Amino acid sequence: MTLRALEHGPSYGYAIITELEASGMGAVKGGTLYPLLTRYESAGLVAVEWRPGEAGPGRKFFSLTESGHRELERMREEWARFTTISNDYLASVRAVRTDEQ
């Protein structure tokens, strides 16, 4: 979901958290997000840029690299496959096996 939040352009931590929460992902803490972004940076999925602040300190902006865009698409396909399998399983009617015969 973090990669998705960066799909349309660079953003900074608080804005990513706000977008995820507004999308129904629940409360996301900086202690969860920032280590994840650091791992994504190390893996080459995001690039980092410091930008000066207009009325305060600068902000660290994160943006997807080409590898990040490819990984997002791979994850979308994997998630679609997972949800299809899960929905099919949940919707199926299975014979209940009992050992009381």
N, C-alpha and C. Protein backbone atom coordinates (compact mmCIF):
# COMPACT_ATOMS: atom_id res chain seq x y z
N MET A 1 0.82 -1.19 0.00
CA MET A 1 0.00 0.00 0.00
C MET A 1 0.87 1.26 0.00
N THR A 2 2.04 1.16 0.61
CA THR A 2 2.94 2.31 0.64
C THR A 2 3.42 2.63 -0.77
N LEU A 3 3.77 1.62 -1.53
CA LEU A 3 4.18 1.87 -2.92
C LEU A 3 3.04 2.51 -3.70
N ARG A 4 1.83 2.05 -3.47
CA ARG A 4 0.65 2.61 -4.15
C ARG A 4 0.49 4.09 -3.82
N ALA A 5 0.77 4.46 -2.56
CA ALA A 5 0.63 5.85 -2.14
C ALA A 5 1.62 6.76 -2.87
N LEU A 6 2.68 6.17 -3.43
CA LEU A 6 3.68 6.95 -4.16
C LEU A 6 3.53 6.86 -5.67
N GLU A 7 2.53 6.15 -6.12
CA GLU A 7 2.37 5.88 -7.55
C GLU A 7 2.25 7.14 -8.40
N HIS A 8 1.60 8.16 -7.89
CA HIS A 8 1.33 9.34 -8.72
C HIS A 8 2.30 10.48 -8.46
N GLY A 9 3.37 10.21 -7.75
CA GLY A 9 4.38 11.24 -7.56
C GLY A 9 4.95 11.26 -6.17
N PRO A 10 6.00 12.04 -5.99
CA PRO A 10 6.69 12.10 -4.70
C PRO A 10 5.79 12.57 -3.57
N SER A 11 6.08 12.05 -2.38
CA SER A 11 5.33 12.44 -1.20
C SER A 11 6.23 12.28 0.01
N TYR A 12 5.80 12.83 1.12
CA TYR A 12 6.57 12.74 2.36
C TYR A 12 5.78 11.90 3.37
N GLY A 13 6.46 11.49 4.43
CA GLY A 13 5.90 10.54 5.38
C GLY A 13 4.52 10.85 5.90
N TYR A 14 4.32 12.04 6.44
CA TYR A 14 3.02 12.37 7.03
C TYR A 14 1.91 12.32 5.97
N ALA A 15 2.19 12.78 4.76
CA ALA A 15 1.18 12.74 3.70
C ALA A 15 0.85 11.30 3.31
N ILE A 16 1.85 10.42 3.32
CA ILE A 16 1.61 9.00 3.02
C ILE A 16 0.72 8.40 4.10
N ILE A 17 1.05 8.67 5.36
CA ILE A 17 0.24 8.18 6.48
C ILE A 17 -1.19 8.66 6.36
N THR A 18 -1.37 9.95 6.07
CA THR A 18 -2.71 10.53 5.94
C THR A 18 -3.48 9.87 4.81
N GLU A 19 -2.83 9.63 3.67
CA GLU A 19 -3.51 8.99 2.54
C GLU A 19 -3.92 7.57 2.88
N LEU A 20 -3.03 6.82 3.51
CA LEU A 20 -3.36 5.44 3.87
C LEU A 20 -4.53 5.39 4.85
N GLU A 21 -4.52 6.26 5.84
CA GLU A 21 -5.61 6.30 6.81
C GLU A 21 -6.92 6.71 6.15
N ALA A 22 -6.87 7.71 5.26
CA ALA A 22 -8.08 8.16 4.56
C ALA A 22 -8.64 7.08 3.64
N SER A 23 -7.78 6.16 3.21
CA SER A 23 -8.22 5.07 2.33
C SER A 23 -8.75 3.87 3.09
N GLY A 24 -8.80 3.99 4.42
CA GLY A 24 -9.36 2.92 5.23
C GLY A 24 -8.35 1.91 5.74
N MET A 25 -7.07 2.23 5.65
CA MET A 25 -6.03 1.29 6.08
C MET A 25 -5.80 1.31 7.59
N GLY A 26 -6.49 2.19 8.29
CA GLY A 26 -6.30 2.28 9.73
C GLY A 26 -5.14 3.19 10.07
N ALA A 27 -4.84 3.26 11.35
CA ALA A 27 -3.77 4.14 11.83
C ALA A 27 -2.41 3.53 11.48
N VAL A 28 -1.59 4.32 10.84
CA VAL A 28 -0.23 3.92 10.49
C VAL A 28 0.72 4.80 11.28
N LYS A 29 1.64 4.18 11.97
CA LYS A 29 2.59 4.94 12.79
C LYS A 29 3.89 5.16 12.03
N GLY A 30 4.53 6.28 12.34
CA GLY A 30 5.81 6.58 11.72
C GLY A 30 6.84 5.50 11.99
N GLY A 31 6.76 4.88 13.16
CA GLY A 31 7.68 3.80 13.50
C GLY A 31 7.51 2.57 12.64
N THR A 32 6.40 2.48 11.94
CA THR A 32 6.15 1.41 10.98
C THR A 32 6.53 1.87 9.58
N LEU A 33 6.12 3.08 9.21
CA LEU A 33 6.31 3.57 7.86
C LEU A 33 7.77 3.86 7.52
N TYR A 34 8.47 4.58 8.37
CA TYR A 34 9.82 5.03 8.02
C TYR A 34 10.82 3.88 7.86
N PRO A 35 10.80 2.87 8.73
CA PRO A 35 11.69 1.73 8.47
C PRO A 35 11.36 1.01 7.16
N LEU A 36 10.07 0.94 6.83
CA LEU A 36 9.66 0.33 5.57
C LEU A 36 10.21 1.13 4.39
N LEU A 37 10.07 2.45 4.44
CA LEU A 37 10.60 3.29 3.37
C LEU A 37 12.12 3.16 3.25
N THR A 38 12.80 3.01 4.38
CA THR A 38 14.25 2.81 4.36
C THR A 38 14.60 1.49 3.68
N ARG A 39 13.84 0.43 3.96
CA ARG A 39 14.06 -0.86 3.29
C ARG A 39 13.78 -0.75 1.79
N TYR A 40 12.73 -0.02 1.44
CA TYR A 40 12.43 0.17 0.02
C TYR A 40 13.54 0.96 -0.68
N GLU A 41 14.10 1.94 0.01
CA GLU A 41 15.20 2.71 -0.56
C GLU A 41 16.41 1.79 -0.77
N SER A 42 16.74 0.99 0.22
CA SER A 42 17.87 0.05 0.11
C SER A 42 17.67 -0.94 -1.03
N ALA A 43 16.43 -1.33 -1.26
CA ALA A 43 16.11 -2.29 -2.33
C ALA A 43 16.00 -1.62 -3.70
N GLY A 44 16.12 -0.30 -3.75
CA GLY A 44 16.03 0.41 -5.02
C GLY A 44 14.62 0.66 -5.51
N LEU A 45 13.64 0.52 -4.62
CA LEU A 45 12.24 0.72 -5.02
C LEU A 45 11.79 2.16 -4.90
N VAL A 46 12.42 2.93 -4.00
CA VAL A 46 12.11 4.35 -3.86
C VAL A 46 13.39 5.16 -3.86
N ALA A 47 13.27 6.38 -4.32
CA ALA A 47 14.35 7.36 -4.26
C ALA A 47 13.97 8.40 -3.21
N VAL A 48 14.96 9.00 -2.59
CA VAL A 48 14.73 9.97 -1.53
C VAL A 48 15.36 11.30 -1.92
N GLU A 49 14.64 12.37 -1.61
CA GLU A 49 15.11 13.72 -1.91
C GLU A 49 14.70 14.65 -0.76
N TRP A 50 15.65 15.42 -0.27
CA TRP A 50 15.34 16.44 0.74
C TRP A 50 14.87 17.69 0.03
N ARG A 51 13.77 18.26 0.49
CA ARG A 51 13.26 19.51 -0.08
C ARG A 51 13.13 20.53 1.04
N PRO A 52 13.51 21.77 0.78
CA PRO A 52 13.37 22.79 1.83
C PRO A 52 11.91 23.05 2.15
N GLY A 53 11.64 23.33 3.42
CA GLY A 53 10.28 23.64 3.83
C GLY A 53 9.98 25.11 3.60
N GLU A 54 8.71 25.41 3.35
CA GLU A 54 8.31 26.80 3.12
C GLU A 54 8.21 27.57 4.43
N ALA A 55 7.73 26.90 5.46
CA ALA A 55 7.54 27.60 6.73
C ALA A 55 8.19 26.86 7.89
N GLY A 56 9.09 25.96 7.59
CA GLY A 56 9.71 25.19 8.65
C GLY A 56 10.86 24.37 8.09
N PRO A 57 11.17 23.31 8.80
CA PRO A 57 12.28 22.47 8.35
C PRO A 57 11.96 21.75 7.04
N GLY A 58 13.00 21.30 6.38
CA GLY A 58 12.82 20.57 5.13
C GLY A 58 12.15 19.23 5.37
N ARG A 59 11.74 18.62 4.28
CA ARG A 59 11.08 17.32 4.35
C ARG A 59 11.78 16.35 3.42
N LYS A 60 11.74 15.10 3.82
CA LYS A 60 12.27 14.02 3.01
C LYS A 60 11.14 13.51 2.12
N PHE A 61 11.29 13.65 0.82
CA PHE A 61 10.28 13.19 -0.13
C PHE A 61 10.72 11.86 -0.72
N PHE A 62 9.75 10.97 -0.90
CA PHE A 62 9.99 9.65 -1.44
C PHE A 62 9.27 9.54 -2.78
N SER A 63 9.90 8.89 -3.74
CA SER A 63 9.26 8.67 -5.04
C SER A 63 9.62 7.28 -5.54
N LEU A 64 8.74 6.71 -6.34
CA LEU A 64 8.98 5.38 -6.90
C LEU A 64 10.05 5.45 -7.98
N THR A 65 10.92 4.47 -7.99
CA THR A 65 11.86 4.28 -9.09
C THR A 65 11.17 3.39 -10.13
N GLU A 66 11.83 3.16 -11.23
CA GLU A 66 11.28 2.23 -12.23
C GLU A 66 11.09 0.85 -11.60
N SER A 67 12.06 0.42 -10.79
CA SER A 67 11.92 -0.86 -10.09
C SER A 67 10.73 -0.85 -9.15
N GLY A 68 10.50 0.29 -8.51
CA GLY A 68 9.36 0.42 -7.61
C GLY A 68 8.04 0.30 -8.35
N HIS A 69 7.96 0.90 -9.54
CA HIS A 69 6.74 0.78 -10.36
C HIS A 69 6.52 -0.68 -10.77
N ARG A 70 7.60 -1.36 -11.16
CA ARG A 70 7.47 -2.78 -11.54
C ARG A 70 7.04 -3.63 -10.35
N GLU A 71 7.62 -3.35 -9.19
CA GLU A 71 7.26 -4.11 -7.99
C GLU A 71 5.80 -3.87 -7.61
N LEU A 72 5.33 -2.65 -7.75
CA LEU A 72 3.92 -2.35 -7.46
C LEU A 72 3.02 -3.16 -8.38
N GLU A 73 3.35 -3.22 -9.66
CA GLU A 73 2.53 -4.00 -10.60
C GLU A 73 2.58 -5.49 -10.25
N ARG A 74 3.75 -6.00 -9.89
CA ARG A 74 3.88 -7.39 -9.50
C ARG A 74 3.01 -7.69 -8.27
N MET A 75 3.05 -6.78 -7.31
CA MET A 75 2.26 -6.96 -6.09
C MET A 75 0.77 -6.88 -6.37
N ARG A 76 0.37 -6.01 -7.28
CA ARG A 76 -1.05 -5.92 -7.67
C ARG A 76 -1.52 -7.26 -8.24
N GLU A 77 -0.72 -7.83 -9.13
CA GLU A 77 -1.08 -9.11 -9.74
C GLU A 77 -1.14 -10.21 -8.69
N GLU A 78 -0.18 -10.23 -7.79
CA GLU A 78 -0.15 -11.23 -6.73
C GLU A 78 -1.36 -11.08 -5.81
N TRP A 79 -1.70 -9.84 -5.47
CA TRP A 79 -2.85 -9.60 -4.60
C TRP A 79 -4.15 -10.00 -5.29
N ALA A 80 -4.28 -9.71 -6.58
CA ALA A 80 -5.49 -10.10 -7.31
C ALA A 80 -5.63 -11.61 -7.34
N ARG A 81 -4.53 -12.31 -7.54
CA ARG A 81 -4.56 -13.77 -7.54
C ARG A 81 -4.96 -14.29 -6.15
N PHE A 82 -4.37 -13.72 -5.11
CA PHE A 82 -4.69 -14.12 -3.74
C PHE A 82 -6.16 -13.89 -3.41
N THR A 83 -6.69 -12.72 -3.79
CA THR A 83 -8.09 -12.43 -3.46
C THR A 83 -9.04 -13.34 -4.24
N THR A 84 -8.71 -13.66 -5.48
CA THR A 84 -9.55 -14.58 -6.25
C THR A 84 -9.60 -15.95 -5.59
N ILE A 85 -8.43 -16.46 -5.22
CA ILE A 85 -8.37 -17.77 -4.56
C ILE A 85 -9.13 -17.73 -3.24
N SER A 86 -8.92 -16.67 -2.47
CA SER A 86 -9.59 -16.55 -1.17
C SER A 86 -11.09 -16.46 -1.32
N ASN A 87 -11.56 -15.62 -2.24
CA ASN A 87 -13.00 -15.47 -2.45
C ASN A 87 -13.63 -16.76 -2.95
N ASP A 88 -12.93 -17.45 -3.85
CA ASP A 88 -13.46 -18.73 -4.34
C ASP A 88 -13.59 -19.73 -3.20
N TYR A 89 -12.59 -19.77 -2.35
CA TYR A 89 -12.61 -20.71 -1.23
C TYR A 89 -13.72 -20.35 -0.24
N LEU A 90 -13.84 -19.07 0.08
CA LEU A 90 -14.87 -18.65 1.03
C LEU A 90 -16.28 -18.86 0.49
N ALA A 91 -16.45 -18.77 -0.81
CA ALA A 91 -17.77 -18.91 -1.42
C ALA A 91 -18.15 -20.37 -1.67
N SER A 92 -17.17 -21.26 -1.65
CA SER A 92 -17.46 -22.66 -1.97
C SER A 92 -18.20 -23.33 -0.82
N VAL A 93 -19.03 -24.27 -1.20
CA VAL A 93 -19.75 -25.07 -0.21
C VAL A 93 -19.02 -26.39 -0.13
N ARG A 94 -18.54 -26.70 1.04
CA ARG A 94 -17.80 -27.95 1.23
C ARG A 94 -18.60 -28.88 2.13
N ALA A 95 -18.51 -30.15 1.84
CA ALA A 95 -19.13 -31.16 2.69
C ALA A 95 -18.40 -31.15 4.03
N VAL A 96 -19.17 -31.12 5.08
CA VAL A 96 -18.59 -31.12 6.42
C VAL A 96 -18.29 -32.57 6.77
N ARG A 97 -17.05 -32.81 7.10
CA ARG A 97 -16.62 -34.17 7.46
C ARG A 97 -16.74 -34.34 8.96
N THR A 98 -17.37 -35.40 9.34
CA THR A 98 -17.44 -35.70 10.77
C THR A 98 -16.94 -37.11 10.97
N ASP A 99 -16.38 -37.32 12.11
CA ASP A 99 -15.88 -38.65 12.46
C ASP A 99 -16.94 -39.46 13.19
N GLU A 100 -18.16 -38.96 13.24
CA GLU A 100 -19.24 -39.63 13.97
C GLU A 100 -20.11 -40.43 13.03
N GLN A 101 -19.58 -41.41 12.37
CA GLN A 101 -20.37 -42.21 11.44
C GLN A 101 -20.57 -43.59 11.94
